[in-house]
Amino acid sequence: MPHDVNRREFLAAGAAAVTGLALPGAGVAEDLALARAPETAPARAAGAASMRGVPFEKRETVRIAIVGTGLRGRSVLSELLAIDGVQVTAIADLRPEHAAKAAKMITDAGQPAPARFDGGERGFEQLVQRDDVDLVYTATPWEWHVPVCLAALGAGKHAATECPAGITLRDLWALVDASERNRRHCLQLENCNYGYTEMLVNRLVHAGVLGEVLHCEAAYLHDLRDILFEARDEGLWRRAWHTRLDANLYPTHGLGPVAWYLDIHRGDRFDYLVSMSSPEAGLTRHRAEHVAKDDGRWAERYVTGDMNSSLIKTAKGKTILLQHDVANPRPYSRLNGVQGTKGVFSDYPARIYVDGQAGGERFGPLDPWKAQYEDPLWTNVGEMARKKGGHGGMDFVMCWRLVQCMREGLAPDFDVYDAAAWSAPLPLSQMSVAKGSAPMKFPDFTRGQWSREG
């Protein structure tokens, strides 16, 4: 494919996607004020109330609409179509060819053809008005997550989004306020919370096997160089963020499970963060080695430091190491580590050491712990998840659990406050790096209810 076509595709599907949206930078002063003085957060609107522990309305069939039917959207669509009690009623995508592929998946699964809103940036605004939609799920480029979720909530629909939920503190507060005002859930569908190992470790932690947890480690360490420079799919938009922000661009995959280990918003909360970035080198080097000199991508300047390392302190004094690197060669890791007063768990590969265990001060395998501490969700649907689900089955377990909560009228496993807090390290790390690793306070998105357990 000619290089100028690649550039046109990027401009059409990436840069055009941010038309009319405020990118990070325009409101940095307001975000910085929130990070330095979180007590300046907006007061809860009159008539609004907390969404903590609020159950879904019980329904026999869960009617879902999908905004963004590219690779990730169609991947989650395949999970949903394999679950009883789900009907996908509407889809929207900027690219008609993506919507057509998704529509065929739906009809091939024996469901009626969905309503389609394709060919325009804001088809989702019509989609959310339909009366045959209970939940709107968005798998769009990051800058569209908040607009889609706000439109869905404003139309009285539950909203679910890929990560991160938002890019700025202002946007994260907007999601919290819209969820509370409209009495509808806004969820970040963090699949890593439903990984087999993460759910098992969560049960180990809460059974006290590792004692009092003092420190956790979380990360997204994933060599994405080839994907970022593709002339399709994520390469059309995701690389652009590396020209905009020096920050942890993708904090939630590692942080979501750790938040469960530490009972964040169920007795503790993130208090403040300090962050620093290494120099940028990986993407510049990859471009030099793989991109022709006449390619439009040579006009880009990458500003995201390759390795961003942040430290988070919780209100109860626990600490978290949070890292991000997608620009260098390395094996995949989310770190997923837990240090307690009785032992330690460390992932990639999964291994555990408990005080006094046979073999001395050496890690042992996790396998002996599985029979007692395997999460019931994996016991019940793990076989199906491994056959049908992406990312080792965690995607299927995540979707199955969401549908179960909606069909049975249960409260979701995580809520808008979790979505906001797990995404907040993105803007907070940007501000901390820019201020010489100055501490940045997390807003209390729960407005004081984080200390309530359960």
Protein backbone atom coordinates (compact mmCIF):
# COMPACT_ATOMS: atom_id res chain seq x y z
CA MET A 1 0.00 0.00 0.00
CA PRO A 2 1.48 3.44 -0.88
CA HIS A 3 2.71 5.46 2.08
CA ASP A 4 0.50 8.45 1.28
CA VAL A 5 -2.57 6.22 1.50
CA ASN A 6 -1.46 5.12 4.97
CA ARG A 7 -1.26 8.74 6.01
CA ARG A 8 -4.70 9.53 4.59
CA GLU A 9 -6.18 6.56 6.44
CA PHE A 10 -4.63 7.76 9.67
CA LEU A 11 -6.01 11.25 9.18
CA ALA A 12 -9.46 9.98 8.27
CA ALA A 13 -9.86 7.46 11.06
CA GLY A 14 -7.67 8.97 13.74
CA ALA A 15 -7.27 12.72 13.65
CA ALA A 16 -10.78 13.28 12.33
CA ALA A 17 -12.12 11.29 15.24
CA VAL A 18 -11.17 14.03 17.67
CA THR A 19 -13.01 16.81 15.84
CA GLY A 20 -14.98 18.82 18.37
CA LEU A 21 -13.45 17.03 21.35
CA ALA A 22 -11.19 18.66 23.93
CA LEU A 23 -7.85 16.91 23.95
CA PRO A 24 -5.63 16.82 27.04
CA GLY A 25 -3.84 20.15 27.31
CA ALA A 26 -6.82 22.45 26.83
CA GLY A 27 -7.98 21.95 30.42
CA VAL A 28 -4.75 20.99 32.15
CA ALA A 29 -5.05 23.88 34.63
CA GLU A 30 -8.46 22.67 35.78
CA ASP A 31 -7.22 19.09 36.06
CA LEU A 32 -4.15 20.24 37.97
CA ALA A 33 -6.34 22.11 40.45
CA LEU A 34 -8.31 18.91 41.06
CA ALA A 35 -5.09 16.93 41.57
CA ARG A 36 -3.56 19.47 43.95
CA ALA A 37 -6.76 20.23 45.87
CA PRO A 38 -9.24 17.37 45.41
CA GLU A 39 -11.63 19.01 47.85
CA THR A 40 -12.48 21.38 44.99
CA ALA A 41 -14.32 18.52 43.27
CA PRO A 42 -17.86 19.33 42.22
CA ALA A 43 -20.63 18.80 44.74
CA ARG A 44 -23.18 16.10 44.03
CA ALA A 45 -26.08 17.50 42.05
CA ALA A 46 -29.44 17.93 43.72
CA GLY A 47 -31.46 14.74 43.38
CA ALA A 48 -28.42 12.62 42.53
CA ALA A 49 -27.29 9.76 44.73
CA SER A 50 -24.49 7.25 45.02
CA MET A 51 -24.48 4.28 42.65
CA ARG A 52 -22.54 2.07 45.06
CA GLY A 53 -24.27 -1.27 45.47
CA VAL A 54 -27.22 -0.32 43.27
CA PRO A 55 -28.57 -3.44 41.54
CA PHE A 56 -29.48 -3.67 37.89
CA GLU A 57 -33.15 -3.97 37.00
CA LYS A 58 -33.89 -7.68 36.68
CA ARG A 59 -34.62 -8.73 33.07
CA GLU A 60 -34.95 -12.00 31.20
CA THR A 61 -33.18 -10.75 28.06
CA VAL A 62 -30.31 -8.27 28.12
CA ARG A 63 -30.46 -6.01 25.06
CA ILE A 64 -27.07 -4.59 24.16
CA ALA A 65 -25.93 -2.03 21.60
CA ILE A 66 -22.30 -1.80 20.49
CA VAL A 67 -20.54 1.39 19.41
CA GLY A 68 -17.27 0.60 17.67
CA THR A 69 -17.18 -2.69 15.78
CA GLY A 70 -13.49 -2.92 14.94
CA LEU A 71 -11.30 -5.71 16.25
CA ARG A 72 -12.08 -5.25 19.93
CA GLY A 73 -15.75 -4.54 19.41
CA ARG A 74 -16.22 -7.68 17.32
CA SER A 75 -14.18 -9.72 19.80
CA VAL A 76 -16.51 -8.81 22.66
CA LEU A 77 -19.49 -9.24 20.35
CA SER A 78 -18.47 -12.86 19.80
CA GLU A 79 -18.39 -13.41 23.58
CA LEU A 80 -21.84 -11.87 24.05
CA LEU A 81 -23.38 -13.92 21.24
CA ALA A 82 -22.25 -17.11 23.01
CA ILE A 83 -24.16 -16.24 26.21
CA ASP A 84 -27.81 -17.15 26.78
CA GLY A 85 -30.21 -14.29 27.33
CA VAL A 86 -28.37 -11.70 25.22
CA GLN A 87 -29.71 -9.89 22.19
CA VAL A 88 -27.53 -7.42 20.30
CA THR A 89 -30.05 -4.97 18.90
CA ALA A 90 -28.00 -2.10 17.44
CA ILE A 91 -24.48 -1.28 16.28
CA ALA A 92 -22.65 1.88 15.25
CA ASP A 93 -19.33 2.44 13.55
CA LEU A 94 -17.59 5.13 11.56
CA ARG A 95 -16.64 2.49 9.00
CA PRO A 96 -19.56 0.75 7.22
CA GLU A 97 -17.42 -2.29 6.45
CA HIS A 98 -16.84 -2.89 10.17
CA ALA A 99 -20.54 -2.56 10.90
CA ALA A 100 -21.33 -5.00 8.09
CA LYS A 101 -19.00 -7.63 9.57
CA ALA A 102 -20.58 -7.23 12.99
CA ALA A 103 -24.11 -7.41 11.58
CA LYS A 104 -23.27 -10.66 9.83
CA MET A 105 -21.90 -12.12 13.07
CA ILE A 106 -25.21 -11.29 14.73
CA THR A 107 -27.42 -12.81 12.04
CA ASP A 108 -25.14 -15.83 11.71
CA ALA A 109 -25.77 -16.42 15.41
CA GLY A 110 -29.50 -16.63 14.68
CA GLN A 111 -30.47 -13.20 15.97
CA PRO A 112 -32.44 -10.58 14.03
CA ALA A 113 -30.41 -8.08 12.01
CA PRO A 114 -29.39 -5.18 14.26
CA ALA A 115 -30.18 -1.56 13.58
CA ARG A 116 -27.09 -0.03 11.97
CA PHE A 117 -25.70 3.46 12.37
CA ASP A 118 -22.60 3.68 10.21
CA GLY A 119 -20.69 6.10 8.06
CA GLY A 120 -20.74 9.01 10.52
CA GLU A 121 -18.96 9.99 13.72
CA ARG A 122 -22.09 10.58 15.79
CA GLY A 123 -24.40 7.77 14.83
CA PHE A 124 -24.27 6.69 18.46
CA GLU A 125 -26.40 9.71 19.38
CA GLN A 126 -29.30 8.17 17.47
CA LEU A 127 -28.50 4.65 18.64
CA VAL A 128 -28.82 5.53 22.34
CA GLN A 129 -32.36 6.83 21.81
CA ARG A 130 -33.72 3.43 20.84
CA ASP A 131 -36.16 1.77 23.23
CA ASP A 132 -34.78 -1.74 22.60
CA VAL A 133 -31.42 -1.09 24.30
CA ASP A 134 -30.60 -1.73 27.97
CA LEU A 135 -26.83 -1.22 27.85
CA VAL A 136 -24.53 0.59 25.42
CA TYR A 137 -21.01 -0.80 25.14
CA THR A 138 -18.27 1.26 23.46
CA ALA A 139 -15.07 -0.08 21.91
CA THR A 140 -14.13 3.11 20.10
CA PRO A 141 -10.80 4.96 20.16
CA TRP A 142 -10.17 6.36 23.62
CA GLU A 143 -11.27 9.93 22.99
CA TRP A 144 -14.81 8.76 22.20
CA HIS A 145 -15.37 6.71 25.36
CA VAL A 146 -16.70 9.62 27.38
CA PRO A 147 -18.98 11.11 24.67
CA VAL A 148 -20.57 7.71 24.01
CA CYS A 149 -21.06 6.92 27.70
CA LEU A 150 -22.52 10.36 28.45
CA ALA A 151 -24.95 10.02 25.55
CA ALA A 152 -26.02 6.59 26.76
CA LEU A 153 -26.48 7.66 30.37
CA GLY A 154 -28.39 10.76 29.30
CA ALA A 155 -30.77 8.56 27.32
CA GLY A 156 -31.43 6.37 30.35
CA LYS A 157 -29.21 3.46 29.30
CA HIS A 158 -26.50 1.71 31.25
CA ALA A 159 -23.05 2.32 29.76
CA ALA A 160 -19.98 0.11 29.52
CA THR A 161 -16.63 1.08 28.06
CA GLU A 162 -13.27 -0.29 27.15
CA CYS A 163 -10.31 1.16 29.01
CA PRO A 164 -9.43 3.80 29.90
CA ALA A 165 -12.83 5.19 30.83
CA GLY A 166 -11.63 8.77 30.35
CA ILE A 167 -8.50 10.80 29.67
CA THR A 168 -8.94 13.79 32.01
CA LEU A 169 -10.12 14.21 35.59
CA ARG A 170 -12.86 16.51 34.33
CA ASP A 171 -14.17 13.80 32.05
CA LEU A 172 -14.02 11.18 34.80
CA TRP A 173 -16.04 13.44 37.08
CA ALA A 174 -18.52 13.93 34.24
CA LEU A 175 -19.05 10.16 34.07
CA VAL A 176 -19.54 9.92 37.84
CA ASP A 177 -22.04 12.78 37.87
CA ALA A 178 -23.98 11.47 34.86
CA SER A 179 -24.22 7.99 36.38
CA GLU A 180 -25.50 9.37 39.69
CA ARG A 181 -27.88 11.85 38.06
CA ASN A 182 -29.45 9.36 35.65
CA ARG A 183 -29.40 6.39 38.07
CA ARG A 184 -27.69 4.19 35.49
CA HIS A 185 -24.43 2.31 35.81
CA CYS A 186 -21.29 3.35 33.93
CA LEU A 187 -18.80 0.49 33.95
CA GLN A 188 -15.31 0.01 32.64
CA LEU A 189 -15.18 -3.56 31.36
CA GLU A 190 -11.76 -4.47 32.71
CA ASN A 191 -11.25 -8.02 31.50
CA CYS A 192 -8.07 -8.56 33.53
CA ASN A 193 -10.10 -8.52 36.74
CA TYR A 194 -11.62 -11.77 35.49
CA GLY A 195 -8.38 -13.55 34.63
CA TYR A 196 -8.08 -17.00 36.19
CA THR A 197 -4.96 -16.14 38.18
CA GLU A 198 -6.20 -12.70 39.24
CA MET A 199 -9.46 -14.11 40.61
CA LEU A 200 -7.66 -16.93 42.41
CA VAL A 201 -5.15 -14.52 43.96
CA ASN A 202 -8.01 -12.25 45.04
CA ARG A 203 -9.48 -15.16 47.00
CA LEU A 204 -6.08 -16.04 48.47
CA VAL A 205 -5.63 -12.46 49.62
CA HIS A 206 -9.05 -12.22 51.21
CA ALA A 207 -8.64 -15.59 52.90
CA GLY A 208 -5.57 -14.15 54.65
CA VAL A 209 -3.08 -16.59 53.10
CA LEU A 210 -0.57 -13.77 52.49
CA GLY A 211 -1.37 -11.96 55.75
CA GLU A 212 -1.91 -8.22 55.76
CA VAL A 213 -1.22 -6.89 52.27
CA LEU A 214 1.34 -4.08 52.30
CA HIS A 215 2.38 -3.57 48.69
CA CYS A 216 1.20 -4.51 45.20
CA GLU A 217 2.67 -4.27 41.72
CA ALA A 218 0.73 -3.63 38.52
CA ALA A 219 1.70 -2.90 34.95
CA TYR A 220 1.01 -2.99 31.25
CA LEU A 221 4.30 -4.15 29.71
CA HIS A 222 3.49 -5.19 26.17
CA ASP A 223 5.50 -4.83 22.97
CA LEU A 224 3.01 -3.01 20.72
CA ARG A 225 5.47 -1.54 18.22
CA ASP A 226 4.16 -3.46 15.21
CA ILE A 227 0.52 -2.77 16.15
CA LEU A 228 1.16 0.92 16.74
CA PHE A 229 2.69 1.28 13.27
CA GLU A 230 0.06 -0.69 11.40
CA ALA A 231 -1.80 1.06 8.60
CA ARG A 232 -5.10 -0.26 9.94
CA ASP A 233 -7.05 -0.82 13.15
CA GLU A 234 -5.31 0.53 16.28
CA GLY A 235 -2.40 1.86 14.24
CA LEU A 236 -4.77 4.47 12.80
CA TRP A 237 -5.33 6.17 16.16
CA ARG A 238 -3.47 4.66 19.12
CA ARG A 239 0.01 5.81 18.12
CA ALA A 240 -1.26 9.40 18.08
CA TRP A 241 -1.48 9.38 21.88
CA HIS A 242 2.28 8.93 22.00
CA THR A 243 2.58 12.34 20.32
CA ARG A 244 0.35 14.02 22.94
CA LEU A 245 1.11 12.86 26.48
CA ASP A 246 4.09 11.85 28.58
CA ALA A 247 2.19 9.63 30.97
CA ASN A 248 1.02 6.12 31.80
CA LEU A 249 -1.36 5.82 28.87
CA TYR A 250 -2.96 2.52 29.87
CA PRO A 251 -3.09 1.99 33.63
CA THR A 252 -6.13 -0.17 34.23
CA HIS A 253 -5.16 -3.71 33.14
CA GLY A 254 -2.75 -4.11 36.03
CA LEU A 255 -4.43 -1.71 38.44
CA GLY A 256 -7.96 -3.12 38.31
CA PRO A 257 -7.10 -6.50 39.89
CA VAL A 258 -4.81 -4.82 42.44
CA ALA A 259 -7.69 -2.53 43.43
CA TRP A 260 -9.70 -5.64 44.25
CA TYR A 261 -6.85 -7.11 46.31
CA LEU A 262 -6.64 -3.87 48.32
CA ASP A 263 -10.41 -3.33 48.73
CA ILE A 264 -10.28 0.03 47.01
CA HIS A 265 -13.62 1.81 47.57
CA ARG A 266 -14.52 -0.96 50.00
CA GLY A 267 -12.49 0.23 52.97
CA ASP A 268 -9.57 2.01 51.31
CA ARG A 269 -8.91 4.37 48.40
CA PHE A 270 -6.08 5.70 46.26
CA ASP A 271 -4.70 8.80 47.98
CA TYR A 272 -1.89 10.22 45.86
CA LEU A 273 0.53 9.37 43.05
CA VAL A 274 4.07 10.30 42.04
CA SER A 275 5.31 9.48 38.56
CA MET A 276 8.40 9.63 36.36
CA SER A 277 9.15 8.62 32.78
CA SER A 278 12.27 7.34 31.07
CA PRO A 279 13.33 8.95 27.79
CA GLU A 280 11.40 8.10 24.62
CA ALA A 281 13.39 5.89 22.26
CA GLY A 282 11.50 2.78 21.22
CA LEU A 283 9.00 4.20 18.73
CA THR A 284 11.56 6.52 17.17
CA ARG A 285 13.93 3.59 16.69
CA HIS A 286 11.19 1.34 15.32
CA ARG A 287 10.19 4.01 12.81
CA ALA A 288 13.79 4.41 11.66
CA GLU A 289 14.11 0.68 11.10
CA HIS A 290 10.71 -0.07 9.52
CA VAL A 291 9.15 3.07 7.99
CA ALA A 292 10.26 4.56 4.66
CA LYS A 293 11.61 8.10 4.83
CA ASP A 294 8.84 9.46 2.56
CA ASP A 295 6.10 8.18 4.90
CA GLY A 296 3.97 10.87 6.57
CA ARG A 297 4.61 9.29 9.96
CA TRP A 298 8.07 10.84 9.96
CA ALA A 299 6.38 14.14 10.78
CA GLU A 300 5.34 12.74 14.16
CA ARG A 301 7.25 13.51 17.35
CA TYR A 302 6.82 10.95 20.11
CA VAL A 303 6.76 12.41 23.61
CA THR A 304 5.63 9.49 25.79
CA GLY A 305 8.54 8.19 27.84
CA ASP A 306 9.04 4.50 27.09
CA MET A 307 8.86 3.33 30.71
CA ASN A 308 6.56 5.25 33.01
CA SER A 309 6.82 4.26 36.67
CA SER A 310 4.33 5.56 39.21
CA LEU A 311 3.94 4.97 42.92
CA ILE A 312 0.49 5.15 44.48
CA LYS A 313 -0.16 5.51 48.20
CA THR A 314 -3.54 4.51 49.59
CA ALA A 315 -5.41 6.14 52.44
CA LYS A 316 -4.45 3.18 54.67
CA GLY A 317 -0.78 3.51 53.74
CA LYS A 318 -0.52 0.62 51.27
CA THR A 319 1.74 1.16 48.25
CA ILE A 320 1.44 0.23 44.57
CA LEU A 321 4.07 0.23 41.83
CA LEU A 322 2.37 0.94 38.49
CA GLN A 323 4.30 0.74 35.20
CA HIS A 324 3.70 1.16 31.46
CA ASP A 325 5.93 0.31 28.48
CA VAL A 326 4.62 -0.61 25.03
CA ALA A 327 7.59 0.62 22.98
CA ASN A 328 10.34 -1.92 23.65
CA PRO A 329 11.01 -5.63 23.07
CA ARG A 330 10.05 -7.69 26.11
CA PRO A 331 7.83 -10.59 27.19
CA TYR A 332 4.29 -9.58 28.14
CA SER A 333 3.67 -8.83 31.82
CA ARG A 334 1.14 -7.11 34.05
CA LEU A 335 3.42 -7.74 37.09
CA ASN A 336 0.43 -8.67 39.27
CA GLY A 337 2.41 -8.87 42.49
CA VAL A 338 1.29 -8.92 46.12
CA GLN A 339 3.48 -8.65 49.23
CA GLY A 340 1.91 -9.44 52.57
CA THR A 341 3.09 -10.05 56.12
CA LYS A 342 2.83 -13.84 55.66
CA GLY A 343 3.98 -14.26 52.09
CA VAL A 344 4.29 -13.01 48.55
CA PHE A 345 2.75 -13.75 45.16
CA SER A 346 4.47 -12.81 41.93
CA ASP A 347 3.15 -13.38 38.42
CA TYR A 348 4.67 -13.95 34.95
CA PRO A 349 5.20 -16.76 35.72
CA ALA A 350 2.77 -17.28 38.60
CA ARG A 351 4.56 -18.31 41.79
CA ILE A 352 3.97 -18.03 45.51
CA TYR A 353 5.91 -18.12 48.76
CA VAL A 354 4.18 -18.44 52.14
CA ASP A 355 6.12 -18.15 55.37
CA GLY A 356 7.29 -21.57 56.53
CA GLN A 357 6.45 -23.48 53.37
CA ALA A 358 8.49 -26.56 52.49
CA GLY A 359 11.60 -25.96 50.41
CA GLY A 360 12.93 -22.92 52.22
CA GLU A 361 12.92 -19.37 50.96
CA ARG A 362 12.11 -20.25 47.38
CA PHE A 363 9.00 -19.61 45.32
CA GLY A 364 6.71 -22.55 44.76
CA PRO A 365 4.06 -23.19 42.09
CA LEU A 366 0.51 -21.86 42.35
CA ASP A 367 -1.04 -25.18 41.31
CA PRO A 368 -1.44 -26.64 44.84
CA TRP A 369 -3.62 -23.67 45.78
CA LYS A 370 -6.03 -23.97 42.87
CA ALA A 371 -8.36 -26.64 44.26
CA GLN A 372 -9.20 -24.58 47.33
CA TYR A 373 -9.06 -21.04 45.96
CA GLU A 374 -10.25 -21.24 42.35
CA ASP A 375 -12.97 -18.63 41.91
CA PRO A 376 -16.48 -20.12 41.53
CA LEU A 377 -17.00 -18.19 38.29
CA TRP A 378 -14.14 -20.13 36.73
CA THR A 379 -15.36 -23.37 38.28
CA ASN A 380 -18.81 -22.82 36.75
CA VAL A 381 -18.02 -21.41 33.30
CA GLY A 382 -14.27 -21.87 32.95
CA GLU A 383 -14.49 -24.77 30.51
CA MET A 384 -16.73 -22.77 28.18
CA ALA A 385 -14.59 -19.66 28.69
CA ARG A 386 -11.41 -21.42 27.61
CA LYS A 387 -13.12 -22.74 24.47
CA LYS A 388 -14.95 -19.57 23.44
CA GLY A 389 -13.27 -16.66 25.17
CA GLY A 390 -10.47 -14.29 24.23
CA HIS A 391 -7.38 -13.62 26.35
CA GLY A 392 -7.38 -17.09 27.87
CA GLY A 393 -11.08 -16.99 28.66
CA MET A 394 -11.16 -13.85 30.81
CA ASP A 395 -13.20 -11.96 28.20
CA PHE A 396 -15.96 -14.57 28.28
CA VAL A 397 -16.03 -14.68 32.09
CA MET A 398 -16.28 -10.87 32.17
CA CYS A 399 -19.19 -10.81 29.71
CA TRP A 400 -20.92 -13.78 31.33
CA ARG A 401 -20.77 -12.12 34.74
CA LEU A 402 -22.11 -8.80 33.41
CA VAL A 403 -25.05 -10.59 31.81
CA GLN A 404 -25.65 -12.61 34.97
CA CYS A 405 -25.81 -9.43 37.06
CA MET A 406 -28.27 -7.82 34.64
CA ARG A 407 -30.49 -10.88 34.29
CA GLU A 408 -30.62 -11.60 38.03
CA GLY A 409 -30.89 -8.00 39.17
CA LEU A 410 -27.55 -7.94 41.01
CA ALA A 411 -25.23 -5.02 41.64
CA PRO A 412 -22.24 -5.06 39.27
CA ASP A 413 -18.82 -6.18 40.49
CA PHE A 414 -17.42 -2.70 39.81
CA ASP A 415 -19.01 0.68 39.26
CA VAL A 416 -18.42 4.20 37.95
CA TYR A 417 -16.21 5.09 40.93
CA ASP A 418 -13.90 2.19 40.10
CA ALA A 419 -13.85 3.19 36.43
CA ALA A 420 -12.85 6.72 37.38
CA ALA A 421 -10.20 5.79 39.96
CA TRP A 422 -8.58 3.10 37.81
CA SER A 423 -8.35 5.52 34.85
CA ALA A 424 -7.20 8.53 36.88
CA PRO A 425 -3.49 7.57 36.83
CA LEU A 426 -3.43 8.55 33.17
CA PRO A 427 -3.97 12.30 33.77
CA LEU A 428 -2.34 12.23 37.21
CA SER A 429 0.86 10.69 35.87
CA GLN A 430 0.97 13.27 33.07
CA MET A 431 0.77 16.10 35.59
CA SER A 432 3.24 14.52 38.01
CA VAL A 433 5.83 13.95 35.28
CA ALA A 434 5.40 17.52 34.04
CA LYS A 435 5.89 18.83 37.58
CA GLY A 436 9.10 16.90 38.29
CA SER A 437 7.39 13.91 39.92
CA ALA A 438 5.35 16.08 42.26
CA PRO A 439 2.65 14.26 44.24
CA MET A 440 -0.82 14.42 42.69
CA LYS A 441 -3.89 13.68 44.78
CA PHE A 442 -6.60 11.33 43.58
CA PRO A 443 -10.06 12.86 43.68
CA ASP A 444 -12.43 10.98 45.96
CA PHE A 445 -14.92 10.01 43.29
CA THR A 446 -17.08 8.27 45.93
CA ARG A 447 -17.50 11.56 47.84
CA GLY A 448 -16.60 9.98 51.15
CA GLN A 449 -18.20 6.56 50.77
CA TRP A 450 -14.97 4.67 50.06
CA SER A 451 -14.58 3.65 53.70
CA ARG A 452 -17.80 1.65 53.62
CA GLU A 453 -16.88 -2.01 53.28
CA GLY A 454 -18.72 -4.40 50.98
